Amino acid sequence: MQNNKFIKAQLRGPAGYITLDRPDVHNALHIEMIRENSETLDFFNKEDDLRAIIIDANGKNFSAGADLKWMKSGISQSDDQLRAESYELALLFNKIMHCNSITICALKGKVIGGANGIAAASDIVIATTNTSFAFTEVKLGLIPATIAPYVYRKSKERSMEWMLTGRTISADEALAGGIINHIVDENSLESTSDAILKMILSNGPKALSGVKNLFLSGLIEKHPDDTIKQTSGLIADFRTSSEGLEGLTSFFEKRKPSWMNEN
């Protein structure tokens, strides 16, 4: 794994860990940090045995969003450079969403601007009771263009009001709006992340990919009348797959399935 300055990354068996590590600037995202995250995800995606990734942060806050010094540096860049860096930011969120592994995002403190893109692109999101969210781009004369598609995917029309006002959103409102899945006590973030990771790793690896692809494919958003052929075909394929047969066999033999022995 490459040497990183602004994140910490490691592999532990079937799980990968990415920790944002610029606590002195509240883990603000600049191009170097974006690239380290992106390159680490590329590395993780090549690991066939990897099944889940936890994304968290050092320090009091998850992330203050885009580093404003980096944003301001765009003044001295060529149009090509400016667009290329913006594309790298947008691509990072896309890589998180399409990651081969299940992504678990653990939030605390402030989650500002672009940091919401990391959360919204993740599969499962946990936040502490003191976590707050804000889309502050409009306060700076900017727009949250690169994160909007991911936030809208989870929160639909509610996200427009958040992005127009730039107001602070509580963890409770974020939960109701679909940005996060769980709210936990401040001291329980790590243990809850580990518990969810354990649940994920107890499930069939190909089944996990199948569920994730079911949601990413857009099939889940169609009317049920229009999906009968595809969904019935999928369940038939999984029933006769080696993993499906192992799961059913292990159930009747009252033993753990083989993939649990790999953890």
Protein backbone atom coordinates (compact mmCIF):
# COMPACT_ATOMS: atom_id res chain seq x y z
CA MET A 1 0.00 0.00 0.00
CA GLN A 2 1.28 3.48 -0.89
CA ASN A 3 2.65 5.88 1.72
CA ASN A 4 0.05 8.45 2.73
CA LYS A 5 0.45 11.82 4.41
CA PHE A 6 -3.14 12.88 4.84
CA ILE A 7 -5.01 9.63 5.46
CA LYS A 8 -4.27 6.39 7.25
CA ALA A 9 -5.09 3.17 5.43
CA GLN A 10 -4.71 -0.46 6.37
CA LEU A 11 -5.97 -3.96 5.64
CA ARG A 12 -7.11 -6.31 8.39
CA GLY A 13 -8.15 -9.58 6.82
CA PRO A 14 -11.40 -9.10 4.86
CA ALA A 15 -11.77 -5.48 6.05
CA GLY A 16 -10.10 -2.27 4.95
CA TYR A 17 -9.83 0.97 6.93
CA ILE A 18 -9.49 4.56 5.72
CA THR A 19 -9.05 7.31 8.30
CA LEU A 20 -9.01 10.98 7.32
CA ASP A 21 -5.94 12.39 9.08
CA ARG A 22 -5.68 16.18 8.91
CA PRO A 23 -7.15 16.94 12.35
CA ASP A 24 -5.30 20.27 12.58
CA VAL A 25 -7.57 21.60 9.80
CA HIS A 26 -10.61 19.49 10.73
CA ASN A 27 -9.82 16.99 7.97
CA ALA A 28 -10.51 19.49 5.21
CA LEU A 29 -10.26 17.94 1.76
CA HIS A 30 -7.58 19.19 -0.62
CA ILE A 31 -6.34 17.64 -3.85
CA GLU A 32 -3.55 15.61 -2.20
CA MET A 33 -5.97 14.11 0.33
CA ILE A 34 -8.52 13.43 -2.41
CA ARG A 35 -5.88 11.58 -4.42
CA GLU A 36 -4.74 9.51 -1.46
CA ASN A 37 -8.34 8.44 -0.80
CA SER A 38 -8.88 7.65 -4.46
CA GLU A 39 -5.64 5.66 -4.83
CA THR A 40 -6.40 3.70 -1.66
CA LEU A 41 -9.84 2.77 -2.96
CA ASP A 42 -8.24 1.62 -6.22
CA PHE A 43 -5.82 -0.52 -4.21
CA PHE A 44 -8.62 -1.98 -2.07
CA ASN A 45 -10.69 -2.79 -5.17
CA LYS A 46 -7.92 -5.09 -6.39
CA GLU A 47 -8.09 -7.14 -3.19
CA ASP A 48 -10.37 -10.08 -4.05
CA ASP A 49 -10.87 -11.10 -0.42
CA LEU A 50 -11.83 -7.64 0.81
CA ARG A 51 -15.51 -7.41 1.73
CA ALA A 52 -15.96 -4.19 3.71
CA ILE A 53 -14.32 -0.82 4.25
CA ILE A 54 -14.73 1.48 7.24
CA ILE A 55 -14.19 5.21 6.60
CA ASP A 56 -13.68 7.40 9.66
CA ALA A 57 -11.60 10.37 10.83
CA ASN A 58 -9.07 11.44 13.43
CA GLY A 59 -9.80 14.46 15.59
CA LYS A 60 -12.95 16.13 16.83
CA ASN A 61 -14.69 16.49 13.46
CA PHE A 62 -15.18 14.14 10.55
CA SER A 63 -14.42 16.82 7.96
CA ALA A 64 -14.85 20.53 7.32
CA GLY A 65 -15.38 19.79 3.64
CA ALA A 66 -13.25 21.24 0.88
CA ASP A 67 -10.11 23.05 2.03
CA LEU A 68 -10.82 26.71 1.27
CA LYS A 69 -7.16 27.46 0.59
CA TRP A 70 -7.24 24.74 -2.05
CA MET A 71 -10.50 26.11 -3.47
CA LYS A 72 -9.06 29.62 -3.66
CA SER A 73 -5.93 28.34 -5.46
CA GLY A 74 -8.18 27.76 -8.48
CA ILE A 75 -7.72 31.44 -9.30
CA SER A 76 -4.16 30.77 -10.46
CA GLN A 77 -4.93 27.55 -12.30
CA SER A 78 -5.67 27.08 -15.97
CA ASP A 79 -9.20 26.09 -16.90
CA ASP A 80 -7.98 22.58 -17.74
CA GLN A 81 -6.28 22.19 -14.34
CA LEU A 82 -9.33 23.52 -12.51
CA ARG A 83 -11.69 21.14 -14.28
CA ALA A 84 -9.33 18.18 -13.86
CA GLU A 85 -9.13 18.67 -10.08
CA SER A 86 -12.88 19.13 -9.82
CA TYR A 87 -13.31 15.89 -11.74
CA GLU A 88 -10.99 14.08 -9.31
CA LEU A 89 -13.22 15.21 -6.43
CA ALA A 90 -16.37 14.05 -8.20
CA LEU A 91 -14.71 10.75 -9.12
CA LEU A 92 -13.81 10.07 -5.48
CA PHE A 93 -17.48 10.01 -4.47
CA ASN A 94 -18.27 7.79 -7.45
CA LYS A 95 -15.52 5.35 -6.45
CA ILE A 96 -16.92 5.13 -2.93
CA MET A 97 -20.41 4.39 -4.25
CA HIS A 98 -19.21 1.78 -6.77
CA CYS A 99 -16.59 0.22 -4.51
CA ASN A 100 -16.55 -3.58 -4.74
CA SER A 101 -16.71 -3.77 -0.95
CA ILE A 102 -19.48 -2.63 1.38
CA THR A 103 -18.58 0.82 2.70
CA ILE A 104 -19.35 1.82 6.29
CA CYS A 105 -18.89 5.51 7.14
CA ALA A 106 -18.48 6.55 10.79
CA LEU A 107 -19.22 10.23 11.45
CA LYS A 108 -18.64 12.57 14.38
CA GLY A 109 -18.56 16.30 15.01
CA LYS A 110 -19.02 18.48 11.95
CA VAL A 111 -19.71 17.12 8.48
CA ILE A 112 -19.52 20.11 6.16
CA GLY A 113 -19.92 20.58 2.41
CA GLY A 114 -18.05 17.99 0.38
CA ALA A 115 -17.67 15.69 3.38
CA ASN A 116 -21.36 14.95 2.97
CA GLY A 117 -20.48 13.40 -0.37
CA ILE A 118 -18.33 10.77 1.35
CA ALA A 119 -21.21 9.92 3.67
CA ALA A 120 -23.90 9.95 0.99
CA ALA A 121 -21.83 7.75 -1.33
CA SER A 122 -21.26 5.15 1.42
CA ASP A 123 -23.53 2.13 1.85
CA ILE A 124 -24.08 2.33 5.61
CA VAL A 125 -23.59 5.49 7.69
CA ILE A 126 -23.31 5.79 11.47
CA ALA A 127 -23.20 9.12 13.30
CA THR A 128 -22.84 10.14 16.92
CA THR A 129 -25.49 12.21 18.68
CA ASN A 130 -23.26 15.30 18.47
CA THR A 131 -22.78 15.06 14.69
CA SER A 132 -24.05 18.00 12.67
CA PHE A 133 -24.31 18.44 8.92
CA ALA A 134 -24.32 21.50 6.68
CA PHE A 135 -24.15 22.27 2.99
CA THR A 136 -22.43 25.63 3.31
CA GLU A 137 -21.32 26.08 -0.29
CA VAL A 138 -23.98 28.73 -1.02
CA LYS A 139 -22.64 30.88 1.82
CA LEU A 140 -19.41 31.16 -0.17
CA GLY A 141 -21.08 31.72 -3.53
CA LEU A 142 -20.47 28.10 -4.56
CA ILE A 143 -22.74 25.15 -5.28
CA PRO A 144 -22.48 21.53 -4.03
CA ALA A 145 -22.57 20.14 -7.56
CA THR A 146 -20.31 17.10 -7.14
CA ILE A 147 -22.07 15.79 -4.02
CA ALA A 148 -25.66 16.67 -4.92
CA PRO A 149 -26.41 13.49 -6.94
CA TYR A 150 -25.34 11.27 -4.03
CA VAL A 151 -27.20 13.26 -1.38
CA TYR A 152 -30.33 13.44 -3.54
CA ARG A 153 -30.18 9.68 -4.08
CA LYS A 154 -30.70 9.21 -0.34
CA SER A 155 -32.69 12.29 0.67
CA LYS A 156 -34.61 13.24 -2.48
CA GLU A 157 -36.37 16.64 -2.38
CA ARG A 158 -35.36 17.41 1.22
CA SER A 159 -31.79 17.94 0.04
CA MET A 160 -32.71 20.99 -2.04
CA GLU A 161 -33.79 23.00 1.02
CA TRP A 162 -30.63 22.01 2.87
CA MET A 163 -28.45 23.15 -0.02
CA LEU A 164 -30.37 26.40 -0.55
CA THR A 165 -30.23 27.48 3.09
CA GLY A 166 -26.83 26.11 4.13
CA ARG A 167 -28.25 25.68 7.63
CA THR A 168 -26.97 23.23 10.24
CA ILE A 169 -28.75 19.89 10.30
CA SER A 170 -28.86 17.74 13.44
CA ALA A 171 -28.17 14.02 13.49
CA ASP A 172 -31.88 13.41 14.11
CA GLU A 173 -32.86 15.37 11.00
CA ALA A 174 -30.16 13.63 8.98
CA LEU A 175 -31.54 10.26 10.10
CA ALA A 176 -35.09 11.26 9.17
CA GLY A 177 -33.81 12.56 5.84
CA GLY A 178 -31.98 9.37 4.96
CA ILE A 179 -28.39 10.67 5.04
CA ILE A 180 -27.46 8.35 7.91
CA ASN A 181 -28.66 4.95 9.09
CA HIS A 182 -27.82 4.95 12.81
CA ILE A 183 -27.28 7.44 15.64
CA VAL A 184 -25.14 6.24 18.54
CA ASP A 185 -23.62 7.60 21.73
CA GLU A 186 -20.34 9.43 21.23
CA ASN A 187 -18.41 6.66 22.99
CA SER A 188 -20.06 3.90 20.93
CA LEU A 189 -19.05 4.91 17.41
CA GLU A 190 -16.15 2.48 17.07
CA SER A 191 -17.91 -0.45 18.74
CA THR A 192 -21.02 0.08 16.61
CA SER A 193 -18.92 0.24 13.43
CA ASP A 194 -17.21 -2.99 14.45
CA ALA A 195 -20.57 -4.65 15.22
CA ILE A 196 -21.97 -3.72 11.80
CA LEU A 197 -18.73 -4.88 10.17
CA LYS A 198 -19.08 -8.22 11.94
CA MET A 199 -22.64 -8.59 10.63
CA ILE A 200 -21.51 -7.76 7.09
CA LEU A 201 -18.65 -10.28 7.22
CA SER A 202 -21.00 -13.04 8.39
CA ASN A 203 -22.88 -12.81 5.08
CA GLY A 204 -22.07 -14.36 1.73
CA PRO A 205 -19.54 -12.23 -0.20
CA LYS A 206 -21.28 -12.69 -3.55
CA ALA A 207 -24.67 -12.10 -1.94
CA LEU A 208 -23.39 -8.80 -0.54
CA SER A 209 -22.25 -7.76 -4.02
CA GLY A 210 -25.57 -8.90 -5.42
CA VAL A 211 -27.57 -6.72 -3.03
CA LYS A 212 -25.33 -3.70 -3.65
CA ASN A 213 -25.59 -4.14 -7.43
CA LEU A 214 -29.36 -4.51 -7.14
CA PHE A 215 -29.56 -1.01 -5.69
CA LEU A 216 -26.89 0.54 -7.91
CA SER A 217 -28.37 -0.86 -11.11
CA GLY A 218 -31.54 1.21 -10.79
CA LEU A 219 -33.66 -1.95 -10.97
CA ILE A 220 -34.92 -1.36 -7.44
CA GLU A 221 -36.45 1.99 -8.49
CA LYS A 222 -38.62 0.54 -11.24
CA HIS A 223 -42.23 -0.49 -10.75
CA PRO A 224 -42.45 -4.09 -9.47
CA ASP A 225 -44.54 -5.02 -12.53
CA ASP A 226 -41.55 -4.20 -14.72
CA THR A 227 -38.96 -6.15 -12.74
CA ILE A 228 -40.47 -9.61 -12.39
CA LYS A 229 -38.31 -11.22 -15.08
CA GLN A 230 -35.05 -9.69 -13.84
CA THR A 231 -35.61 -10.29 -10.11
CA SER A 232 -36.83 -13.86 -10.58
CA GLY A 233 -33.78 -14.53 -12.74
CA LEU A 234 -31.48 -13.17 -10.06
CA ILE A 235 -32.93 -15.30 -7.26
CA ALA A 236 -32.75 -18.37 -9.53
CA ASP A 237 -29.07 -17.67 -10.24
CA PHE A 238 -28.24 -17.29 -6.55
CA ARG A 239 -30.19 -20.41 -5.54
CA THR A 240 -27.96 -22.57 -7.72
CA SER A 241 -24.70 -20.69 -7.19
CA SER A 242 -21.88 -22.33 -5.22
CA GLU A 243 -22.29 -19.73 -2.49
CA GLY A 244 -26.05 -20.18 -2.32
CA LEU A 245 -25.71 -23.96 -2.14
CA GLU A 246 -23.06 -23.64 0.58
CA GLY A 247 -25.31 -21.32 2.57
CA LEU A 248 -28.29 -23.66 2.38
CA THR A 249 -26.20 -26.76 3.05
CA SER A 250 -24.51 -25.21 6.10
CA PHE A 251 -27.92 -24.24 7.49
CA PHE A 252 -29.23 -27.80 7.35
CA GLU A 253 -25.95 -29.20 8.63
CA LYS A 254 -26.08 -26.71 11.52
CA ARG A 255 -22.63 -25.28 10.90
CA LYS A 256 -21.16 -21.97 9.87
CA PRO A 257 -20.88 -21.36 6.12
CA SER A 258 -17.35 -21.56 4.72
CA TRP A 259 -16.99 -17.79 4.23
CA MET A 260 -17.28 -17.24 7.99
CA ASN A 261 -14.23 -19.42 8.55
CA GLU A 262 -12.22 -16.99 6.45
CA ASN A 263 -12.74 -14.05 8.85
